[in-house]
Amino acid sequence: MQLKDAVTQMLKDNGKTKVWLAQKLGYKFPSGLSNRLKCSNITLENLCKICEQLDYEVCIQPTKIRGSRPEKQIVLDARPPKEESKE
């Protein structure tokens, strides 16, 4: 899952909006947050601030975990999404 999709899911799970989150993070305009999320190079510090507002945490763990993941756990994919073929 890409970062912007993960944040959207966390907002949905918490019944919050991007406007609410932008205000909590000190953005003057919600578009500032939207632009930050579109960027694939967000800092860990900013990600932690977003997660803190939504009662999530950033966790680093081995990729091969046995069993199922806990409910509401989100795994970010660092690879950019595959672009559709333009034929």
PDB file of N, CA and C in Angstrom:
ATOM      1  N   MET A   1       0.849  -1.168   0.000  1.00  0.00           N
ATOM      2  CA  MET A   1       0.000   0.000   0.000  1.00  0.00           C
ATOM      3  C   MET A   1       0.901   1.240   0.000  1.00  0.00           C
ATOM      4  N   GLN A   2       0.542   2.204  -0.792  1.00  0.00           N
ATOM      5  CA  GLN A   2       1.287   3.456  -0.855  1.00  0.00           C
ATOM      6  C   GLN A   2       0.913   4.346   0.330  1.00  0.00           C
ATOM      7  N   LEU A   3       1.794   5.270   0.674  1.00  0.00           N
ATOM      8  CA  LEU A   3       1.620   6.121   1.847  1.00  0.00           C
ATOM      9  C   LEU A   3       0.301   6.891   1.814  1.00  0.00           C
ATOM     10  N   LYS A   4      -0.012   7.521   0.696  1.00  0.00           N
ATOM     11  CA  LYS A   4      -1.246   8.314   0.637  1.00  0.00           C
ATOM     12  C   LYS A   4      -2.475   7.431   0.852  1.00  0.00           C
ATOM     13  N   ASP A   5      -2.427   6.194   0.345  1.00  0.00           N
ATOM     14  CA  ASP A   5      -3.535   5.264   0.557  1.00  0.00           C
ATOM     15  C   ASP A   5      -3.606   4.824   2.019  1.00  0.00           C
ATOM     16  N   ALA A   6      -2.447   4.654   2.639  1.00  0.00           N
ATOM     17  CA  ALA A   6      -2.402   4.260   4.049  1.00  0.00           C
ATOM     18  C   ALA A   6      -2.984   5.354   4.933  1.00  0.00           C
ATOM     19  N   VAL A   7      -2.622   6.603   4.667  1.00  0.00           N
ATOM     20  CA  VAL A   7      -3.150   7.715   5.455  1.00  0.00           C
ATOM     21  C   VAL A   7      -4.658   7.819   5.252  1.00  0.00           C
ATOM     22  N   THR A   8      -5.111   7.662   4.024  1.00  0.00           N
ATOM     23  CA  THR A   8      -6.549   7.685   3.751  1.00  0.00           C
ATOM     24  C   THR A   8      -7.262   6.592   4.538  1.00  0.00           C
ATOM     25  N   GLN A   9      -6.675   5.405   4.595  1.00  0.00           N
ATOM     26  CA  GLN A   9      -7.273   4.303   5.347  1.00  0.00           C
ATOM     27  C   GLN A   9      -7.285   4.604   6.853  1.00  0.00           C
ATOM     28  N   MET A  10      -6.185   5.162   7.370  1.00  0.00           N
ATOM     29  CA  MET A  10      -6.139   5.504   8.799  1.00  0.00           C
ATOM     30  C   MET A  10      -7.180   6.565   9.139  1.00  0.00           C
ATOM     31  N   LEU A  11      -7.351   7.552   8.265  1.00  0.00           N
ATOM     32  CA  LEU A  11      -8.368   8.574   8.483  1.00  0.00           C
ATOM     33  C   LEU A  11      -9.755   7.950   8.507  1.00  0.00           C
ATOM     34  N   LYS A  12     -10.017   7.074   7.556  1.00  0.00           N
ATOM     35  CA  LYS A  12     -11.310   6.392   7.479  1.00  0.00           C
ATOM     36  C   LYS A  12     -11.560   5.575   8.743  1.00  0.00           C
ATOM     37  N   ASP A  13     -10.555   4.829   9.183  1.00  0.00           N
ATOM     38  CA  ASP A  13     -10.690   3.993  10.385  1.00  0.00           C
ATOM     39  C   ASP A  13     -10.989   4.831  11.626  1.00  0.00           C
ATOM     40  N   ASN A  14     -10.525   6.096  11.633  1.00  0.00           N
ATOM     41  CA  ASN A  14     -10.715   6.975  12.789  1.00  0.00           C
ATOM     42  C   ASN A  14     -11.872   7.958  12.608  1.00  0.00           C
ATOM     43  N   GLY A  15     -12.546   7.900  11.466  1.00  0.00           N
ATOM     44  CA  GLY A  15     -13.661   8.802  11.209  1.00  0.00           C
ATOM     45  C   GLY A  15     -13.220  10.259  11.114  1.00  0.00           C
ATOM     46  N   LYS A  16     -12.035  10.492  10.588  1.00  0.00           N
ATOM     47  CA  LYS A  16     -11.471  11.843  10.467  1.00  0.00           C
ATOM     48  C   LYS A  16     -11.298  12.196   8.998  1.00  0.00           C
ATOM     49  N   THR A  17     -11.062  13.480   8.731  1.00  0.00           N
ATOM     50  CA  THR A  17     -10.868  13.957   7.366  1.00  0.00           C
ATOM     51  C   THR A  17      -9.457  14.508   7.187  1.00  0.00           C
ATOM     52  N   LYS A  18      -9.071  14.705   5.941  1.00  0.00           N
ATOM     53  CA  LYS A  18      -7.763  15.310   5.664  1.00  0.00           C
ATOM     54  C   LYS A  18      -7.725  16.751   6.163  1.00  0.00           C
ATOM     55  N   VAL A  19      -8.857  17.433   6.149  1.00  0.00           N
ATOM     56  CA  VAL A  19      -8.917  18.805   6.665  1.00  0.00           C
ATOM     57  C   VAL A  19      -8.586  18.792   8.160  1.00  0.00           C
ATOM     58  N   TRP A  20      -9.183  17.870   8.892  1.00  0.00           N
ATOM     59  CA  TRP A  20      -8.922  17.733  10.335  1.00  0.00           C
ATOM     60  C   TRP A  20      -7.435  17.462  10.574  1.00  0.00           C
ATOM     61  N   LEU A  21      -6.876  16.513   9.830  1.00  0.00           N
ATOM     62  CA  LEU A  21      -5.471  16.159  10.001  1.00  0.00           C
ATOM     63  C   LEU A  21      -4.560  17.335   9.650  1.00  0.00           C
ATOM     64  N   ALA A  22      -4.871  18.027   8.577  1.00  0.00           N
ATOM     65  CA  ALA A  22      -4.062  19.185   8.176  1.00  0.00           C
ATOM     66  C   ALA A  22      -4.045  20.229   9.289  1.00  0.00           C
ATOM     67  N   GLN A  23      -5.189  20.470   9.909  1.00  0.00           N
ATOM     68  CA  GLN A  23      -5.255  21.431  11.014  1.00  0.00           C
ATOM     69  C   GLN A  23      -4.419  20.961  12.199  1.00  0.00           C
ATOM     70  N   LYS A  24      -4.511  19.676  12.538  1.00  0.00           N
ATOM     71  CA  LYS A  24      -3.754  19.125  13.659  1.00  0.00           C
ATOM     72  C   LYS A  24      -2.245  19.213  13.429  1.00  0.00           C
ATOM     73  N   LEU A  25      -1.836  19.098  12.163  1.00  0.00           N
ATOM     74  CA  LEU A  25      -0.412  19.131  11.831  1.00  0.00           C
ATOM     75  C   LEU A  25       0.094  20.551  11.583  1.00  0.00           C
ATOM     76  N   GLY A  26      -0.798  21.544  11.681  1.00  0.00           N
ATOM     77  CA  GLY A  26      -0.382  22.934  11.559  1.00  0.00           C
ATOM     78  C   GLY A  26      -0.313  23.486  10.145  1.00  0.00           C
ATOM     79  N   TYR A  27      -0.924  22.805   9.194  1.00  0.00           N
ATOM     80  CA  TYR A  27      -0.955  23.333   7.825  1.00  0.00           C
ATOM     81  C   TYR A  27      -1.972  24.456   7.746  1.00  0.00           C
ATOM     82  N   LYS A  28      -1.641  25.520   7.040  1.00  0.00           N
ATOM     83  CA  LYS A  28      -2.575  26.631   6.866  1.00  0.00           C
ATOM     84  C   LYS A  28      -3.705  26.250   5.922  1.00  0.00           C
ATOM     85  N   PHE A  29      -3.384  25.393   4.962  1.00  0.00           N
ATOM     86  CA  PHE A  29      -4.368  24.941   3.981  1.00  0.00           C
ATOM     87  C   PHE A  29      -4.296  23.419   3.859  1.00  0.00           C
ATOM     88  N   PRO A  30      -5.439  22.747   3.723  1.00  0.00           N
ATOM     89  CA  PRO A  30      -5.430  21.283   3.565  1.00  0.00           C
ATOM     90  C   PRO A  30      -4.633  20.814   2.351  1.00  0.00           C
ATOM     91  N   SER A  31      -4.515  21.672   1.339  1.00  0.00           N
ATOM     92  CA  SER A  31      -3.760  21.281   0.148  1.00  0.00           C
ATOM     93  C   SER A  31      -2.280  21.051   0.474  1.00  0.00           C
ATOM     94  N   GLY A  32      -1.787  21.703   1.539  1.00  0.00           N
ATOM     95  CA  GLY A  32      -0.399  21.479   1.955  1.00  0.00           C
ATOM     96  C   GLY A  32      -0.174  20.033   2.359  1.00  0.00           C
ATOM     97  N   LEU A  33      -1.125  19.474   3.092  1.00  0.00           N
ATOM     98  CA  LEU A  33      -1.042  18.062   3.477  1.00  0.00           C
ATOM     99  C   LEU A  33      -1.199  17.167   2.260  1.00  0.00           C
ATOM    100  N   SER A  34      -2.152  17.487   1.404  1.00  0.00           N
ATOM    101  CA  SER A  34      -2.376  16.668   0.202  1.00  0.00           C
ATOM    102  C   SER A  34      -1.131  16.629  -0.673  1.00  0.00           C
ATOM    103  N   ASN A  35      -0.482  17.782  -0.827  1.00  0.00           N
ATOM    104  CA  ASN A  35       0.751  17.824  -1.625  1.00  0.00           C
ATOM    105  C   ASN A  35       1.851  16.996  -0.972  1.00  0.00           C
ATOM    106  N   ARG A  36       1.940  17.056   0.341  1.00  0.00           N
ATOM    107  CA  ARG A  36       2.956  16.272   1.074  1.00  0.00           C
ATOM    108  C   ARG A  36       2.721  14.772   0.857  1.00  0.00           C
ATOM    109  N   LEU A  37       1.469  14.352   0.877  1.00  0.00           N
ATOM    110  CA  LEU A  37       1.160  12.928   0.719  1.00  0.00           C
ATOM    111  C   LEU A  37       1.404  12.442  -0.709  1.00  0.00           C
ATOM    112  N   LYS A  38       1.267  13.326  -1.678  1.00  0.00           N
ATOM    113  CA  LYS A  38       1.528  12.944  -3.066  1.00  0.00           C
ATOM    114  C   LYS A  38       3.008  12.698  -3.303  1.00  0.00           C
ATOM    115  N   CYS A  39       3.837  13.345  -2.505  1.00  0.00           N
ATOM    116  CA  CYS A  39       5.287  13.203  -2.621  1.00  0.00           C
ATOM    117  C   CYS A  39       5.691  11.815  -2.119  1.00  0.00           C
ATOM    118  N   SER A  40       6.474  11.113  -2.887  1.00  0.00           N
ATOM    119  CA  SER A  40       6.889   9.767  -2.468  1.00  0.00           C
ATOM    120  C   SER A  40       8.104   9.807  -1.551  1.00  0.00           C
ATOM    121  N   ASN A  41       8.552  11.016  -1.190  1.00  0.00           N
ATOM    122  CA  ASN A  41       9.759  11.160  -0.391  1.00  0.00           C
ATOM    123  C   ASN A  41       9.468  11.867   0.935  1.00  0.00           C
ATOM    124  N   ILE A  42       8.457  11.414   1.651  1.00  0.00           N
ATOM    125  CA  ILE A  42       8.086  12.008   2.933  1.00  0.00           C
ATOM    126  C   ILE A  42       9.082  11.537   3.997  1.00  0.00           C
ATOM    127  N   THR A  43       9.410  12.411   4.931  1.00  0.00           N
ATOM    128  CA  THR A  43      10.381  12.031   5.955  1.00  0.00           C
ATOM    129  C   THR A  43       9.726  11.130   7.006  1.00  0.00           C
ATOM    130  N   LEU A  44      10.547  10.355   7.661  1.00  0.00           N
ATOM    131  CA  LEU A  44      10.059   9.503   8.735  1.00  0.00           C
ATOM    132  C   LEU A  44       9.463  10.352   9.852  1.00  0.00           C
ATOM    133  N   GLU A  45      10.078  11.493  10.106  1.00  0.00           N
ATOM    134  CA  GLU A  45       9.569  12.398  11.143  1.00  0.00           C
ATOM    135  C   GLU A  45       8.138  12.843  10.823  1.00  0.00           C
ATOM    136  N   ASN A  46       7.888  13.228   9.580  1.00  0.00           N
ATOM    137  CA  ASN A  46       6.534  13.636   9.191  1.00  0.00           C
ATOM    138  C   ASN A  46       5.558  12.478   9.236  1.00  0.00           C
ATOM    139  N   LEU A  47       6.002  11.300   8.834  1.00  0.00           N
ATOM    140  CA  LEU A  47       5.144  10.121   8.913  1.00  0.00           C
ATOM    141  C   LEU A  47       4.770   9.830  10.362  1.00  0.00           C
ATOM    142  N   CYS A  48       5.735   9.950  11.264  1.00  0.00           N
ATOM    143  CA  CYS A  48       5.466   9.722  12.688  1.00  0.00           C
ATOM    144  C   CYS A  48       4.467  10.740  13.232  1.00  0.00           C
ATOM    145  N   LYS A  49       4.568  11.991  12.793  1.00  0.00           N
ATOM    146  CA  LYS A  49       3.621  13.021  13.233  1.00  0.00           C
ATOM    147  C   LYS A  49       2.208  12.703  12.767  1.00  0.00           C
ATOM    148  N   ILE A  50       2.081  12.255  11.531  1.00  0.00           N
ATOM    149  CA  ILE A  50       0.770  11.862  10.996  1.00  0.00           C
ATOM    150  C   ILE A  50       0.210  10.696  11.806  1.00  0.00           C
ATOM    151  N   CYS A  51       1.032   9.687  12.003  1.00  0.00           N
ATOM    152  CA  CYS A  51       0.588   8.498  12.737  1.00  0.00           C
ATOM    153  C   CYS A  51       0.202   8.831  14.174  1.00  0.00           C
ATOM    154  N   GLU A  52       0.947   9.715  14.797  1.00  0.00           N
ATOM    155  CA  GLU A  52       0.654  10.100  16.177  1.00  0.00           C
ATOM    156  C   GLU A  52      -0.741  10.717  16.294  1.00  0.00           C
ATOM    157  N   GLN A  53      -1.108  11.560  15.349  1.00  0.00           N
ATOM    158  CA  GLN A  53      -2.428  12.193  15.372  1.00  0.00           C
ATOM    159  C   GLN A  53      -3.558  11.178  15.188  1.00  0.00           C
ATOM    160  N   LEU A  54      -3.257  10.072  14.525  1.00  0.00           N
ATOM    161  CA  LEU A  54      -4.277   9.072  14.213  1.00  0.00           C
ATOM    162  C   LEU A  54      -4.177   7.824  15.089  1.00  0.00           C
ATOM    163  N   ASP A  55      -3.406   7.914  16.157  1.00  0.00           N
ATOM    164  CA  ASP A  55      -3.226   6.798  17.104  1.00  0.00           C
ATOM    165  C   ASP A  55      -2.661   5.542  16.443  1.00  0.00           C
ATOM    166  N   TYR A  56      -1.691   5.762  15.555  1.00  0.00           N
ATOM    167  CA  TYR A  56      -0.938   4.669  14.946  1.00  0.00           C
ATOM    168  C   TYR A  56       0.522   4.860  15.321  1.00  0.00           C
ATOM    169  N   GLU A  57       1.322   3.843  15.079  1.00  0.00           N
ATOM    170  CA  GLU A  57       2.753   3.953  15.298  1.00  0.00           C
ATOM    171  C   GLU A  57       3.490   3.362  14.111  1.00  0.00           C
ATOM    172  N   VAL A  58       4.713   3.790  13.940  1.00  0.00           N
ATOM    173  CA  VAL A  58       5.569   3.256  12.884  1.00  0.00           C
ATOM    174  C   VAL A  58       6.387   2.138  13.508  1.00  0.00           C
ATOM    175  N   CYS A  59       6.390   0.990  12.856  1.00  0.00           N
ATOM    176  CA  CYS A  59       7.078  -0.182  13.396  1.00  0.00           C
ATOM    177  C   CYS A  59       7.921  -0.806  12.292  1.00  0.00           C
ATOM    178  N   ILE A  60       9.168  -1.118  12.611  1.00  0.00           N
ATOM    179  CA  ILE A  60      10.035  -1.807  11.654  1.00  0.00           C
ATOM    180  C   ILE A  60      10.203  -3.232  12.141  1.00  0.00           C
ATOM    181  N   GLN A  61       9.945  -4.174  11.250  1.00  0.00           N
ATOM    182  CA  GLN A  61      10.010  -5.581  11.623  1.00  0.00           C
ATOM    183  C   GLN A  61      10.431  -6.418  10.420  1.00  0.00           C
ATOM    184  N   PRO A  62      10.842  -7.642  10.669  1.00  0.00           N
ATOM    185  CA  PRO A  62      11.204  -8.504   9.541  1.00  0.00           C
ATOM    186  C   PRO A  62      10.013  -8.685   8.598  1.00  0.00           C
ATOM    187  N   THR A  63      10.290  -8.842   7.319  1.00  0.00           N
ATOM    188  CA  THR A  63       9.205  -8.960   6.348  1.00  0.00           C
ATOM    189  C   THR A  63       8.498 -10.302   6.387  1.00  0.00           C
ATOM    190  N   LYS A  64       9.184 -11.325   6.802  1.00  0.00           N
ATOM    191  CA  LYS A  64       8.567 -12.660   6.808  1.00  0.00           C
ATOM    192  C   LYS A  64       8.043 -12.970   8.211  1.00  0.00           C
ATOM    193  N   ILE A  65       6.792 -12.660   8.411  1.00  0.00           N
ATOM    194  CA  ILE A  65       6.148 -12.903   9.696  1.00  0.00           C
ATOM    195  C   ILE A  65       5.196 -14.074   9.534  1.00  0.00           C
ATOM    196  N   ARG A  66       5.252 -14.987  10.467  1.00  0.00           N
ATOM    197  CA  ARG A  66       4.348 -16.138  10.411  1.00  0.00           C
ATOM    198  C   ARG A  66       2.977 -15.728  10.927  1.00  0.00           C
ATOM    199  N   GLY A  67       1.958 -16.277  10.313  1.00  0.00           N
ATOM    200  CA  GLY A  67       0.597 -16.006  10.754  1.00  0.00           C
ATOM    201  C   GLY A  67       0.037 -14.734  10.124  1.00  0.00           C
ATOM    202  N   SER A  68      -1.160 -14.388  10.543  1.00  0.00           N
ATOM    203  CA  SER A  68      -1.809 -13.210   9.969  1.00  0.00           C
ATOM    204  C   SER A  68      -1.400 -11.949  10.719  1.00  0.00           C
ATOM    205  N   ARG A  69      -1.584 -10.837  10.075  1.00  0.00           N
ATOM    206  CA  ARG A  69      -1.253  -9.557  10.677  1.00  0.00           C
ATOM    207  C   ARG A  69      -2.412  -9.106  11.566  1.00  0.00           C
ATOM    208  N   PRO A  70      -2.097  -8.308  12.586  1.00  0.00           N
ATOM    209  CA  PRO A  70      -3.167  -7.790  13.441  1.00  0.00           C
ATOM    210  C   PRO A  70      -4.136  -6.910  12.648  1.00  0.00           C
ATOM    211  N   GLU A  71      -5.368  -6.824  13.124  1.00  0.00           N
ATOM    212  CA  GLU A  71      -6.374  -5.997  12.486  1.00  0.00           C
ATOM    213  C   GLU A  71      -5.889  -4.548  12.423  1.00  0.00           C
ATOM    214  N   LYS A  72      -6.162  -3.888  11.327  1.00  0.00           N
ATOM    215  CA  LYS A  72      -5.799  -2.497  11.062  1.00  0.00           C
ATOM    216  C   LYS A  72      -4.305  -2.260  10.884  1.00  0.00           C
ATOM    217  N   GLN A  73      -3.497  -3.306  10.828  1.00  0.00           N
ATOM    218  CA  GLN A  73      -2.073  -3.106  10.546  1.00  0.00           C
ATOM    219  C   GLN A  73      -1.929  -2.798   9.063  1.00  0.00           C
ATOM    220  N   ILE A  74      -1.123  -1.806   8.748  1.00  0.00           N
ATOM    221  CA  ILE A  74      -0.928  -1.365   7.367  1.00  0.00           C
ATOM    222  C   ILE A  74       0.532  -1.554   7.001  1.00  0.00           C
ATOM    223  N   VAL A  75       0.777  -2.165   5.861  1.00  0.00           N
ATOM    224  CA  VAL A  75       2.132  -2.374   5.374  1.00  0.00           C
ATOM    225  C   VAL A  75       2.354  -1.444   4.197  1.00  0.00           C
ATOM    226  N   LEU A  76       3.352  -0.573   4.313  1.00  0.00           N
ATOM    227  CA  LEU A  76       3.673   0.364   3.239  1.00  0.00           C
ATOM    228  C   LEU A  76       4.611  -0.294   2.247  1.00  0.00           C
ATOM    229  N   ASP A  77       4.406   0.016   0.999  1.00  0.00           N
ATOM    230  CA  ASP A  77       5.249  -0.490  -0.069  1.00  0.00           C
ATOM    231  C   ASP A  77       6.094   0.667  -0.579  1.00  0.00           C
ATOM    232  N   ALA A  78       7.407   0.541  -0.488  1.00  0.00           N
ATOM    233  CA  ALA A  78       8.312   1.620  -0.900  1.00  0.00           C
ATOM    234  C   ALA A  78       8.415   1.739  -2.418  1.00  0.00           C
ATOM    235  N   ARG A  79       8.015   0.704  -3.120  1.00  0.00           N
ATOM    236  CA  ARG A  79       8.100   0.751  -4.576  1.00  0.00           C
ATOM    237  C   ARG A  79       6.980   1.612  -5.139  1.00  0.00           C
ATOM    238  N   PRO A  80       7.272   2.418  -6.146  1.00  0.00           N
ATOM    239  CA  PRO A  80       6.204   3.226  -6.750  1.00  0.00           C
ATOM    240  C   PRO A  80       5.200   2.311  -7.443  1.00  0.00           C
ATOM    241  N   PRO A  81       3.941   2.742  -7.520  1.00  0.00           N
ATOM    242  CA  PRO A  81       2.942   1.903  -8.191  1.00  0.00           C
ATOM    243  C   PRO A  81       3.291   1.709  -9.658  1.00  0.00           C
ATOM    244  N   LYS A  82       2.935   0.550 -10.197  1.00  0.00           N
ATOM    245  CA  LYS A  82       3.206   0.267 -11.593  1.00  0.00           C
ATOM    246  C   LYS A  82       2.305   1.135 -12.455  1.00  0.00           C
ATOM    247  N   GLU A  83       2.906   1.759 -13.452  1.00  0.00           N
ATOM    248  CA  GLU A  83       2.119   2.582 -14.367  1.00  0.00           C
ATOM    249  C   GLU A  83       1.463   1.686 -15.391  1.00  0.00           C
ATOM    250  N   GLU A  84       0.254   2.088 -15.776  1.00  0.00           N
ATOM    251  CA  GLU A  84      -0.458   1.317 -16.775  1.00  0.00           C
ATOM    252  C   GLU A  84       0.205   1.472 -18.130  1.00  0.00           C
ATOM    253  N   SER A  85       0.151   0.438 -18.908  1.00  0.00           N
ATOM    254  CA  SER A  85       0.746   0.467 -20.238  1.00  0.00           C
ATOM    255  C   SER A  85       0.017   1.484 -21.115  1.00  0.00           C
ATOM    256  N   LYS A  86       0.772   2.303 -21.850  1.00  0.00           N
ATOM    257  CA  LYS A  86       0.191   3.347 -22.700  1.00  0.00           C
ATOM    258  C   LYS A  86       0.276   2.937 -24.165  1.00  0.00           C
ATOM    259  N   GLU A  87      -0.398   1.871 -24.493  1.00  0.00           N
ATOM    260  CA  GLU A  87      -0.364   1.387 -25.880  1.00  0.00           C
ATOM    261  C   GLU A  87      -1.621   1.722 -26.607  1.00  0.00           C
TER     262      GLU A  87
END
